[in-house]
């Protein structure tokens, strides 16, 4: 098993007539993600909006213990919740985390 952390970037494209309920996503969906995936290796998540011209509603970054932990995690309940906050089809990019930091002022 790899000890290198994995980072998953999930974006929700703005498609014709697509919508996105940010309040539901933050208050309901992400706690569900934490509940199911937290014990399986999810370390953190961050959600943000992007430039309106980007073609995306939202992007989420999820950091995992490893790529293997992410690949083994069940997805059915989490994916079944997607229609509750958007009708856009999520796109994800999967990779390894090579560095990160927190800047203090």
Foldseek 3Di string as FASTA:
>chain_A
DDQFKKKKKKWFFDDVPKFFDVVCCVPPLVVVCCVQLVVLFWDDKDKDADDPVPRTGIMMMIIGSHPVSVVPGDCVVSVVCVVVTIPTDMDMDMDTDDDDDDDDD
